[in-house]
Amino acid sequence: MSKHLNLTLHVWRQKNAKCDGKFVEYPAENISPDMSFLEMLDIVNEGLIRKGEEPITFDHDCREGICGTCSMVINGRPHGPRERTTTCQLHMRSFKDGDSVTIEPWRAEAFPVIKDLMVDRGAFDRIIAAGGFISVPTGSPQDANALPIPKEKAELSMDAAACIGCGACVAACPNASAMLFLSAKVTHLGLLPQGQPERYIRVRDMVAQMDAEQFGTCTNHGECEAACPKGIKMENIARMNRDFIKASLTYRPATTSGGAG
């Protein structure tokens, strides 16, 4: 039988975005190395509830590395010490008996704290709503092979579409930039024939929304790619920048009676 772990957790507790937060120390005792990190937090919360204390709030849903909601910084690294791993996929065998583990929420102005380790990532949703879609023609569906797509472009598009929108790239970036996330969303549509009608309008509008959300600028540190659990590449940022320059030269903002849109 594998040896169980006893850990000391330093967890960020914060009532809401308007209140100050602080680290609170909790023991995590008799933890199986085969537990996931979130299961370990479940055990700690059960102990807090039994003592009449408020459990630690954290975000989760699928617990299968698909939804991207398990957003927390563990010992200074988004999603923890293992590469290409979300927090829910991180197992406690990655830690040693007696370890101290510091757990924080994403740190970014655009991701205000809801409570404890849970942040509001609605900014990502608003960026997608600004242009992360394609025109869908009505009528009968096309045959699957009606639009030939070069294999290289199809593979690059699928690689970019792997982005789960977790926000680890923002949390890792010293500027809290969302460029890796945005470039993945722009790339996976912009490389396909179906995405061409809005290709340049899309990048213009989504970048404008990203700026409005107060994300930082990209200065090519590369921390975003290193932290991404799905391995999204920074080359997507270069591809998006090329499209954005062309969009800026070609497409003018819509005007209304109130001035520039």
C-alpha atoms as a PDB file:
ATOM      1  CA  MET A   1       0.000   0.000   0.000  1.00  0.00           C
ATOM      2  CA  SER A   2       1.342   3.426  -0.908  1.00  0.00           C
ATOM      3  CA  LYS A   3       2.345   5.732   1.938  1.00  0.00           C
ATOM      4  CA  HIS A   4      -0.133   8.485   2.710  1.00  0.00           C
ATOM      5  CA  LEU A   5       0.923  12.124   2.797  1.00  0.00           C
ATOM      6  CA  ASN A   6       0.678  14.810   5.430  1.00  0.00           C
ATOM      7  CA  LEU A   7       0.941  18.300   3.974  1.00  0.00           C
ATOM      8  CA  THR A   8       0.688  21.898   5.131  1.00  0.00           C
ATOM      9  CA  LEU A   9      -1.486  24.067   2.892  1.00  0.00           C
ATOM     10  CA  HIS A  10      -1.221  27.858   2.681  1.00  0.00           C
ATOM     11  CA  VAL A  11      -4.512  28.806   1.025  1.00  0.00           C
ATOM     12  CA  TRP A  12      -5.573  32.256  -0.142  1.00  0.00           C
ATOM     13  CA  ARG A  13      -8.865  33.199   1.535  1.00  0.00           C
ATOM     14  CA  GLN A  14     -10.775  36.252   0.279  1.00  0.00           C
ATOM     15  CA  LYS A  15     -14.444  37.023   0.779  1.00  0.00           C
ATOM     16  CA  ASN A  16     -14.816  38.911  -2.529  1.00  0.00           C
ATOM     17  CA  ALA A  17     -12.986  41.269  -4.891  1.00  0.00           C
ATOM     18  CA  LYS A  18     -13.647  44.288  -2.649  1.00  0.00           C
ATOM     19  CA  CYS A  19     -12.214  42.705   0.507  1.00  0.00           C
ATOM     20  CA  ASP A  20      -8.588  42.122   1.380  1.00  0.00           C
ATOM     21  CA  GLY A  21      -7.436  38.531   1.355  1.00  0.00           C
ATOM     22  CA  LYS A  22      -4.806  36.580   3.258  1.00  0.00           C
ATOM     23  CA  PHE A  23      -3.144  33.186   3.391  1.00  0.00           C
ATOM     24  CA  VAL A  24      -4.533  30.756   5.945  1.00  0.00           C
ATOM     25  CA  GLU A  25      -2.701  27.597   6.980  1.00  0.00           C
ATOM     26  CA  TYR A  26      -4.496  24.232   6.961  1.00  0.00           C
ATOM     27  CA  PRO A  27      -3.251  20.689   7.518  1.00  0.00           C
ATOM     28  CA  ALA A  28      -3.985  18.100   4.832  1.00  0.00           C
ATOM     29  CA  GLU A  29      -3.597  14.769   6.599  1.00  0.00           C
ATOM     30  CA  ASN A  30      -3.682  11.145   5.509  1.00  0.00           C
ATOM     31  CA  ILE A  31      -3.822  12.055   1.816  1.00  0.00           C
ATOM     32  CA  SER A  32      -3.523   9.233  -0.695  1.00  0.00           C
ATOM     33  CA  PRO A  33      -0.897   9.814  -3.412  1.00  0.00           C
ATOM     34  CA  ASP A  34      -3.505   8.562  -5.901  1.00  0.00           C
ATOM     35  CA  MET A  35      -5.926  11.403  -5.133  1.00  0.00           C
ATOM     36  CA  SER A  36      -6.223  14.307  -7.508  1.00  0.00           C
ATOM     37  CA  PHE A  37      -5.423  17.764  -6.177  1.00  0.00           C
ATOM     38  CA  LEU A  38      -9.120  18.660  -6.154  1.00  0.00           C
ATOM     39  CA  GLU A  39      -9.975  15.475  -4.258  1.00  0.00           C
ATOM     40  CA  MET A  40      -7.397  16.506  -1.666  1.00  0.00           C
ATOM     41  CA  LEU A  41      -9.146  19.870  -1.314  1.00  0.00           C
ATOM     42  CA  ASP A  42     -12.468  18.022  -0.964  1.00  0.00           C
ATOM     43  CA  ILE A  43     -11.016  16.108   2.003  1.00  0.00           C
ATOM     44  CA  VAL A  44      -9.735  19.315   3.600  1.00  0.00           C
ATOM     45  CA  ASN A  45     -13.140  20.962   3.111  1.00  0.00           C
ATOM     46  CA  GLU A  46     -14.935  18.014   4.703  1.00  0.00           C
ATOM     47  CA  GLY A  47     -12.758  18.499   7.763  1.00  0.00           C
ATOM     48  CA  LEU A  48     -13.508  22.224   7.863  1.00  0.00           C
ATOM     49  CA  ILE A  49     -17.246  21.612   7.598  1.00  0.00           C
ATOM     50  CA  ARG A  50     -17.122  19.091  10.462  1.00  0.00           C
ATOM     51  CA  LYS A  51     -15.463  21.774  12.607  1.00  0.00           C
ATOM     52  CA  GLY A  52     -18.101  24.328  11.660  1.00  0.00           C
ATOM     53  CA  GLU A  53     -15.699  26.388   9.546  1.00  0.00           C
ATOM     54  CA  GLU A  54     -16.340  27.760   6.076  1.00  0.00           C
ATOM     55  CA  PRO A  55     -14.943  25.498   3.337  1.00  0.00           C
ATOM     56  CA  ILE A  56     -12.449  26.728   0.760  1.00  0.00           C
ATOM     57  CA  THR A  57     -14.168  27.949  -2.407  1.00  0.00           C
ATOM     58  CA  PHE A  58     -12.622  26.744  -5.663  1.00  0.00           C
ATOM     59  CA  ASP A  59     -13.883  26.311  -9.213  1.00  0.00           C
ATOM     60  CA  HIS A  60     -14.392  22.924 -10.874  1.00  0.00           C
ATOM     61  CA  ASP A  61     -16.713  21.089 -13.221  1.00  0.00           C
ATOM     62  CA  CYS A  62     -15.631  18.181 -15.425  1.00  0.00           C
ATOM     63  CA  ARG A  63     -12.530  17.149 -13.424  1.00  0.00           C
ATOM     64  CA  GLU A  64     -11.222  15.601 -16.646  1.00  0.00           C
ATOM     65  CA  GLY A  65      -9.036  18.401 -18.037  1.00  0.00           C
ATOM     66  CA  ILE A  66     -11.715  19.516 -20.497  1.00  0.00           C
ATOM     67  CA  CYS A  67     -13.608  22.489 -19.046  1.00  0.00           C
ATOM     68  CA  GLY A  68     -10.678  24.614 -17.869  1.00  0.00           C
ATOM     69  CA  THR A  69     -12.373  25.843 -14.699  1.00  0.00           C
ATOM     70  CA  CYS A  70      -9.958  24.327 -12.134  1.00  0.00           C
ATOM     71  CA  SER A  71      -7.906  27.514 -12.122  1.00  0.00           C
ATOM     72  CA  MET A  72      -5.426  27.922  -9.291  1.00  0.00           C
ATOM     73  CA  VAL A  73      -1.749  28.732  -8.858  1.00  0.00           C
ATOM     74  CA  ILE A  74       0.084  26.011  -6.924  1.00  0.00           C
ATOM     75  CA  ASN A  75       3.511  26.836  -5.501  1.00  0.00           C
ATOM     76  CA  GLY A  76       3.785  29.712  -7.940  1.00  0.00           C
ATOM     77  CA  ARG A  77       2.824  27.757 -11.069  1.00  0.00           C
ATOM     78  CA  PRO A  78      -0.576  27.811 -12.779  1.00  0.00           C
ATOM     79  CA  HIS A  79      -2.143  24.340 -12.443  1.00  0.00           C
ATOM     80  CA  GLY A  80       0.865  23.096 -10.452  1.00  0.00           C
ATOM     81  CA  PRO A  81       4.275  21.534 -11.059  1.00  0.00           C
ATOM     82  CA  ARG A  82       3.529  19.167 -13.939  1.00  0.00           C
ATOM     83  CA  GLU A  83       3.574  20.284 -17.577  1.00  0.00           C
ATOM     84  CA  ARG A  84       0.529  19.821 -19.841  1.00  0.00           C
ATOM     85  CA  THR A  85      -1.637  19.147 -16.785  1.00  0.00           C
ATOM     86  CA  THR A  86      -4.701  20.901 -15.413  1.00  0.00           C
ATOM     87  CA  THR A  87      -5.223  21.129 -11.652  1.00  0.00           C
ATOM     88  CA  CYS A  88      -7.866  18.402 -11.724  1.00  0.00           C
ATOM     89  CA  GLN A  89      -5.406  16.084 -13.500  1.00  0.00           C
ATOM     90  CA  LEU A  90      -2.631  16.777 -10.990  1.00  0.00           C
ATOM     91  CA  HIS A  91      -2.189  13.878  -8.572  1.00  0.00           C
ATOM     92  CA  MET A  92      -0.849  14.111  -5.056  1.00  0.00           C
ATOM     93  CA  ARG A  93       2.038  11.779  -5.912  1.00  0.00           C
ATOM     94  CA  SER A  94       3.614  14.911  -7.393  1.00  0.00           C
ATOM     95  CA  PHE A  95       4.242  16.039  -3.788  1.00  0.00           C
ATOM     96  CA  LYS A  96       6.260  14.580  -0.919  1.00  0.00           C
ATOM     97  CA  ASP A  97       5.247  13.875   2.657  1.00  0.00           C
ATOM     98  CA  GLY A  98       5.762  16.987   4.762  1.00  0.00           C
ATOM     99  CA  ASP A  99       5.618  19.429   1.842  1.00  0.00           C
ATOM    100  CA  SER A 100       4.194  22.922   2.201  1.00  0.00           C
ATOM    101  CA  VAL A 101       1.853  23.841  -0.651  1.00  0.00           C
ATOM    102  CA  THR A 102       0.824  27.421  -1.438  1.00  0.00           C
ATOM    103  CA  ILE A 103      -2.483  27.766  -3.317  1.00  0.00           C
ATOM    104  CA  GLU A 104      -3.617  31.044  -4.893  1.00  0.00           C
ATOM    105  CA  PRO A 105      -6.191  32.214  -7.444  1.00  0.00           C
ATOM    106  CA  TRP A 106      -5.289  33.604 -10.882  1.00  0.00           C
ATOM    107  CA  ARG A 107      -3.753  37.057 -10.372  1.00  0.00           C
ATOM    108  CA  ALA A 108      -5.008  39.482 -13.044  1.00  0.00           C
ATOM    109  CA  GLU A 109      -7.067  42.670 -13.019  1.00  0.00           C
ATOM    110  CA  ALA A 110      -9.287  41.186 -15.714  1.00  0.00           C
ATOM    111  CA  PHE A 111      -9.996  38.145 -13.481  1.00  0.00           C
ATOM    112  CA  PRO A 112     -11.461  39.619 -10.268  1.00  0.00           C
ATOM    113  CA  VAL A 113     -11.733  37.274  -7.317  1.00  0.00           C
ATOM    114  CA  ILE A 114     -15.240  35.961  -6.685  1.00  0.00           C
ATOM    115  CA  LYS A 115     -14.231  34.164  -3.501  1.00  0.00           C
ATOM    116  CA  ASP A 116     -11.062  32.457  -2.269  1.00  0.00           C
ATOM    117  CA  LEU A 117      -9.615  30.550  -5.242  1.00  0.00           C
ATOM    118  CA  MET A 118     -12.483  31.278  -7.650  1.00  0.00           C
ATOM    119  CA  VAL A 119     -12.155  34.141 -10.136  1.00  0.00           C
ATOM    120  CA  ASP A 120     -14.517  35.688 -12.668  1.00  0.00           C
ATOM    121  CA  ARG A 121     -13.282  34.807 -16.169  1.00  0.00           C
ATOM    122  CA  GLY A 122     -16.230  36.418 -17.909  1.00  0.00           C
ATOM    123  CA  ALA A 123     -13.733  38.587 -19.803  1.00  0.00           C
ATOM    124  CA  PHE A 124     -12.884  35.541 -21.925  1.00  0.00           C
ATOM    125  CA  ASP A 125     -16.563  35.023 -22.720  1.00  0.00           C
ATOM    126  CA  ARG A 126     -16.911  38.624 -23.833  1.00  0.00           C
ATOM    127  CA  ILE A 127     -13.863  38.300 -26.097  1.00  0.00           C
ATOM    128  CA  ILE A 128     -15.406  35.245 -27.747  1.00  0.00           C
ATOM    129  CA  ALA A 129     -18.735  37.034 -28.141  1.00  0.00           C
ATOM    130  CA  ALA A 130     -16.950  39.895 -29.909  1.00  0.00           C
ATOM    131  CA  GLY A 131     -15.971  37.708 -32.858  1.00  0.00           C
ATOM    132  CA  GLY A 132     -15.235  34.085 -32.057  1.00  0.00           C
ATOM    133  CA  PHE A 133     -17.816  32.706 -34.450  1.00  0.00           C
ATOM    134  CA  ILE A 134     -18.412  32.087 -38.154  1.00  0.00           C
ATOM    135  CA  SER A 135     -21.305  32.786 -40.512  1.00  0.00           C
ATOM    136  CA  VAL A 136     -23.480  29.697 -40.811  1.00  0.00           C
ATOM    137  CA  PRO A 137     -25.393  29.353 -44.075  1.00  0.00           C
ATOM    138  CA  THR A 138     -28.941  28.056 -43.821  1.00  0.00           C
ATOM    139  CA  GLY A 139     -30.249  25.161 -45.844  1.00  0.00           C
ATOM    140  CA  SER A 140     -29.054  21.582 -46.198  1.00  0.00           C
ATOM    141  CA  PRO A 141     -25.685  20.728 -44.641  1.00  0.00           C
ATOM    142  CA  GLN A 142     -22.714  20.395 -46.956  1.00  0.00           C
ATOM    143  CA  ASP A 143     -20.965  17.109 -47.535  1.00  0.00           C
ATOM    144  CA  ALA A 144     -17.945  16.656 -45.306  1.00  0.00           C
ATOM    145  CA  ASN A 145     -15.567  16.699 -48.256  1.00  0.00           C
ATOM    146  CA  ALA A 146     -17.194  19.638 -50.080  1.00  0.00           C
ATOM    147  CA  LEU A 147     -14.546  22.068 -48.776  1.00  0.00           C
ATOM    148  CA  PRO A 148     -11.057  20.679 -49.277  1.00  0.00           C
ATOM    149  CA  ILE A 149      -8.718  21.804 -46.486  1.00  0.00           C
ATOM    150  CA  PRO A 150      -4.932  21.314 -46.679  1.00  0.00           C
ATOM    151  CA  LYS A 151      -3.752  18.829 -44.043  1.00  0.00           C
ATOM    152  CA  GLU A 152      -1.237  21.258 -42.542  1.00  0.00           C
ATOM    153  CA  LYS A 153      -3.852  23.963 -42.018  1.00  0.00           C
ATOM    154  CA  ALA A 154      -6.359  21.484 -40.633  1.00  0.00           C
ATOM    155  CA  GLU A 155      -3.820  20.240 -38.093  1.00  0.00           C
ATOM    156  CA  LEU A 156      -2.785  23.756 -37.048  1.00  0.00           C
ATOM    157  CA  SER A 157      -6.432  24.711 -36.663  1.00  0.00           C
ATOM    158  CA  MET A 158      -7.168  21.660 -34.516  1.00  0.00           C
ATOM    159  CA  ASP A 159      -4.084  22.320 -32.364  1.00  0.00           C
ATOM    160  CA  ALA A 160      -5.321  25.862 -31.699  1.00  0.00           C
ATOM    161  CA  ALA A 161      -8.862  24.637 -31.031  1.00  0.00           C
ATOM    162  CA  ALA A 162      -7.478  22.550 -28.146  1.00  0.00           C
ATOM    163  CA  CYS A 163      -7.433  25.735 -26.006  1.00  0.00           C
ATOM    164  CA  ILE A 164      -9.848  25.240 -23.094  1.00  0.00           C
ATOM    165  CA  GLY A 165      -9.871  28.892 -22.023  1.00  0.00           C
ATOM    166  CA  CYS A 166      -8.608  28.164 -18.517  1.00  0.00           C
ATOM    167  CA  GLY A 167      -6.603  31.396 -18.227  1.00  0.00           C
ATOM    168  CA  ALA A 168      -3.307  29.815 -17.165  1.00  0.00           C
ATOM    169  CA  CYS A 169      -1.572  31.867 -19.856  1.00  0.00           C
ATOM    170  CA  VAL A 170      -2.846  35.071 -18.237  1.00  0.00           C
ATOM    171  CA  ALA A 171      -1.878  33.908 -14.755  1.00  0.00           C
ATOM    172  CA  ALA A 172       1.641  33.000 -15.883  1.00  0.00           C
ATOM    173  CA  CYS A 173       2.312  36.140 -17.914  1.00  0.00           C
ATOM    174  CA  PRO A 174       4.058  38.935 -15.958  1.00  0.00           C
ATOM    175  CA  ASN A 175       1.875  41.373 -17.934  1.00  0.00           C
ATOM    176  CA  ALA A 176      -1.349  39.369 -17.473  1.00  0.00           C
ATOM    177  CA  SER A 177      -1.708  39.219 -21.252  1.00  0.00           C
ATOM    178  CA  ALA A 178      -4.451  37.195 -22.933  1.00  0.00           C
ATOM    179  CA  MET A 179      -2.689  37.032 -26.299  1.00  0.00           C
ATOM    180  CA  LEU A 180      -2.130  33.262 -26.292  1.00  0.00           C
ATOM    181  CA  PHE A 181      -5.797  32.584 -25.570  1.00  0.00           C
ATOM    182  CA  LEU A 182      -6.980  35.114 -28.141  1.00  0.00           C
ATOM    183  CA  SER A 183      -4.549  33.932 -30.816  1.00  0.00           C
ATOM    184  CA  ALA A 184      -5.726  30.345 -30.386  1.00  0.00           C
ATOM    185  CA  LYS A 185      -9.356  31.382 -30.863  1.00  0.00           C
ATOM    186  CA  VAL A 186      -8.500  33.540 -33.879  1.00  0.00           C
ATOM    187  CA  THR A 187      -6.246  30.886 -35.435  1.00  0.00           C
ATOM    188  CA  HIS A 188      -8.550  27.899 -35.254  1.00  0.00           C
ATOM    189  CA  LEU A 189     -11.235  29.780 -37.229  1.00  0.00           C
ATOM    190  CA  GLY A 190      -8.961  31.906 -39.414  1.00  0.00           C
ATOM    191  CA  LEU A 191      -7.164  28.939 -40.965  1.00  0.00           C
ATOM    192  CA  LEU A 192     -10.341  27.252 -42.190  1.00  0.00           C
ATOM    193  CA  PRO A 193     -12.393  28.163 -45.282  1.00  0.00           C
ATOM    194  CA  GLN A 194     -15.501  28.563 -43.131  1.00  0.00           C
ATOM    195  CA  GLY A 195     -13.773  31.282 -41.121  1.00  0.00           C
ATOM    196  CA  GLN A 196     -12.683  33.463 -44.025  1.00  0.00           C
ATOM    197  CA  PRO A 197     -15.698  35.829 -44.361  1.00  0.00           C
ATOM    198  CA  GLU A 198     -15.072  37.373 -40.908  1.00  0.00           C
ATOM    199  CA  ARG A 199     -11.333  36.666 -40.737  1.00  0.00           C
ATOM    200  CA  TYR A 200     -10.093  40.263 -40.468  1.00  0.00           C
ATOM    201  CA  ILE A 201     -13.160  41.759 -38.829  1.00  0.00           C
ATOM    202  CA  ARG A 202     -12.890  38.968 -36.254  1.00  0.00           C
ATOM    203  CA  VAL A 203      -9.333  39.734 -35.226  1.00  0.00           C
ATOM    204  CA  ARG A 204      -9.992  43.477 -35.120  1.00  0.00           C
ATOM    205  CA  ASP A 205     -13.063  43.158 -32.904  1.00  0.00           C
ATOM    206  CA  MET A 206     -11.645  40.504 -30.578  1.00  0.00           C
ATOM    207  CA  VAL A 207      -8.424  42.438 -30.009  1.00  0.00           C
ATOM    208  CA  ALA A 208     -10.459  45.557 -29.260  1.00  0.00           C
ATOM    209  CA  GLN A 209     -12.496  43.634 -26.678  1.00  0.00           C
ATOM    210  CA  MET A 210      -9.335  42.174 -25.136  1.00  0.00           C
ATOM    211  CA  ASP A 211      -7.958  45.695 -24.697  1.00  0.00           C
ATOM    212  CA  ALA A 212     -11.249  46.872 -23.212  1.00  0.00           C
ATOM    213  CA  GLU A 213     -11.027  44.097 -20.609  1.00  0.00           C
ATOM    214  CA  GLN A 214      -7.721  45.524 -19.306  1.00  0.00           C
ATOM    215  CA  PHE A 215      -5.483  42.584 -20.135  1.00  0.00           C
ATOM    216  CA  GLY A 216      -1.794  43.431 -20.457  1.00  0.00           C
ATOM    217  CA  THR A 217       0.324  43.483 -23.593  1.00  0.00           C
ATOM    218  CA  CYS A 218       2.469  40.633 -24.898  1.00  0.00           C
ATOM    219  CA  THR A 219       6.235  41.100 -24.576  1.00  0.00           C
ATOM    220  CA  ASN A 220       7.216  37.573 -25.638  1.00  0.00           C
ATOM    221  CA  HIS A 221       8.278  36.200 -22.266  1.00  0.00           C
ATOM    222  CA  GLY A 222       7.010  32.765 -23.262  1.00  0.00           C
ATOM    223  CA  GLU A 223       5.567  31.985 -19.832  1.00  0.00           C
ATOM    224  CA  CYS A 224       2.134  31.544 -21.427  1.00  0.00           C
ATOM    225  CA  GLU A 225       3.183  28.641 -23.630  1.00  0.00           C
ATOM    226  CA  ALA A 226       5.092  27.004 -20.767  1.00  0.00           C
ATOM    227  CA  ALA A 227       2.023  27.141 -18.496  1.00  0.00           C
ATOM    228  CA  CYS A 228      -0.605  26.111 -21.055  1.00  0.00           C
ATOM    229  CA  PRO A 229      -2.020  22.670 -20.167  1.00  0.00           C
ATOM    230  CA  LYS A 230      -2.876  22.038 -23.836  1.00  0.00           C
ATOM    231  CA  GLY A 231       0.446  23.131 -25.326  1.00  0.00           C
ATOM    232  CA  ILE A 232      -0.843  26.071 -27.379  1.00  0.00           C
ATOM    233  CA  LYS A 233       2.104  27.552 -29.306  1.00  0.00           C
ATOM    234  CA  MET A 234       3.216  31.191 -29.350  1.00  0.00           C
ATOM    235  CA  GLU A 235       3.440  31.028 -33.146  1.00  0.00           C
ATOM    236  CA  ASN A 236      -0.321  31.600 -33.051  1.00  0.00           C
ATOM    237  CA  ILE A 237       0.362  35.067 -31.614  1.00  0.00           C
ATOM    238  CA  ALA A 238       2.611  35.915 -34.584  1.00  0.00           C
ATOM    239  CA  ARG A 239      -0.049  34.660 -36.997  1.00  0.00           C
ATOM    240  CA  MET A 240      -2.717  36.739 -35.275  1.00  0.00           C
ATOM    241  CA  ASN A 241      -0.515  39.849 -35.289  1.00  0.00           C
ATOM    242  CA  ARG A 242      -0.093  39.563 -39.059  1.00  0.00           C
ATOM    243  CA  ASP A 243      -3.864  39.361 -39.504  1.00  0.00           C
ATOM    244  CA  PHE A 244      -4.376  42.265 -37.117  1.00  0.00           C
ATOM    245  CA  ILE A 245      -1.994  44.513 -39.064  1.00  0.00           C
ATOM    246  CA  LYS A 246      -3.804  43.684 -42.297  1.00  0.00           C
ATOM    247  CA  ALA A 247      -7.171  44.247 -40.621  1.00  0.00           C
ATOM    248  CA  SER A 248      -6.024  47.621 -39.304  1.00  0.00           C
ATOM    249  CA  LEU A 249      -4.997  48.717 -42.793  1.00  0.00           C
ATOM    250  CA  THR A 250      -8.002  47.293 -44.619  1.00  0.00           C
ATOM    251  CA  TYR A 251     -11.052  47.479 -42.349  1.00  0.00           C
ATOM    252  CA  ARG A 252     -12.286  50.698 -40.829  1.00  0.00           C
ATOM    253  CA  PRO A 253     -14.398  50.800 -37.657  1.00  0.00           C
ATOM    254  CA  ALA A 254     -18.115  51.178 -38.238  1.00  0.00           C
ATOM    255  CA  THR A 255     -19.408  54.702 -37.619  1.00  0.00           C
ATOM    256  CA  THR A 256     -22.599  55.798 -35.937  1.00  0.00           C
ATOM    257  CA  SER A 257     -24.213  59.152 -35.273  1.00  0.00           C
ATOM    258  CA  GLY A 258     -22.169  59.254 -32.082  1.00  0.00           C
ATOM    259  CA  GLY A 259     -18.841  59.015 -33.891  1.00  0.00           C
ATOM    260  CA  ALA A 260     -16.388  56.137 -34.381  1.00  0.00           C
ATOM    261  CA  GLY A 261     -17.741  52.765 -33.283  1.00  0.00           C
END
